[in-house]
Amino acid sequence: MSDHIENAGGKGKTLAKIIIFFFLFFATWAYVYWSNFTDI
């Protein structure tokens, strides 16, 4: 049982890191895109 809980926690942490990385990447891209778009 503990193995399943630890594995589920590991998968959850990995998924959370991927979601956070994707969100930060998208936020950075959106910030650069909109700053360049408004400068023109």
Protein backbone atom coordinates (compact mmCIF):
# COMPACT_ATOMS: atom_id res chain seq x y z
CA MET A 1 0.00 0.00 0.00
CA SER A 2 2.75 2.46 0.89
CA ASP A 3 4.41 1.85 -2.48
CA HIS A 4 1.24 2.82 -4.28
CA ILE A 5 0.89 5.98 -2.18
CA GLU A 6 4.54 6.95 -2.77
CA ASN A 7 4.28 6.27 -6.49
CA ALA A 8 1.07 8.28 -6.71
CA GLY A 9 2.77 11.13 -4.83
CA GLY A 10 5.76 10.98 -7.18
CA LYS A 11 3.52 11.06 -10.23
CA GLY A 12 1.57 13.96 -8.72
CA LYS A 13 4.73 15.94 -8.02
CA THR A 14 6.04 15.26 -11.53
CA LEU A 15 2.74 16.29 -13.09
CA ALA A 16 2.66 19.42 -10.91
CA LYS A 17 6.20 20.35 -11.99
CA ILE A 18 5.27 19.88 -15.65
CA ILE A 19 2.15 22.04 -15.25
CA ILE A 20 4.09 24.77 -13.41
CA PHE A 21 6.88 24.70 -16.03
CA PHE A 22 4.36 24.89 -18.87
CA PHE A 23 2.50 27.76 -17.16
CA LEU A 24 5.71 29.72 -16.54
CA PHE A 25 6.87 29.08 -20.12
CA PHE A 26 3.52 30.25 -21.51
CA ALA A 27 3.47 33.29 -19.21
CA THR A 28 6.99 34.27 -20.30
CA TRP A 29 6.13 33.77 -23.97
CA ALA A 30 2.90 35.78 -23.61
CA TYR A 31 4.76 38.60 -21.81
CA VAL A 32 7.44 38.84 -24.50
CA TYR A 33 4.89 38.53 -27.30
CA TRP A 34 2.63 41.26 -25.93
CA SER A 35 5.53 43.60 -25.09
CA ASN A 36 6.84 43.29 -28.64
CA PHE A 37 3.34 43.67 -30.07
CA THR A 38 2.64 46.87 -28.13
CA ASP A 39 6.05 48.38 -29.06
CA ILE A 40 5.25 48.26 -32.77
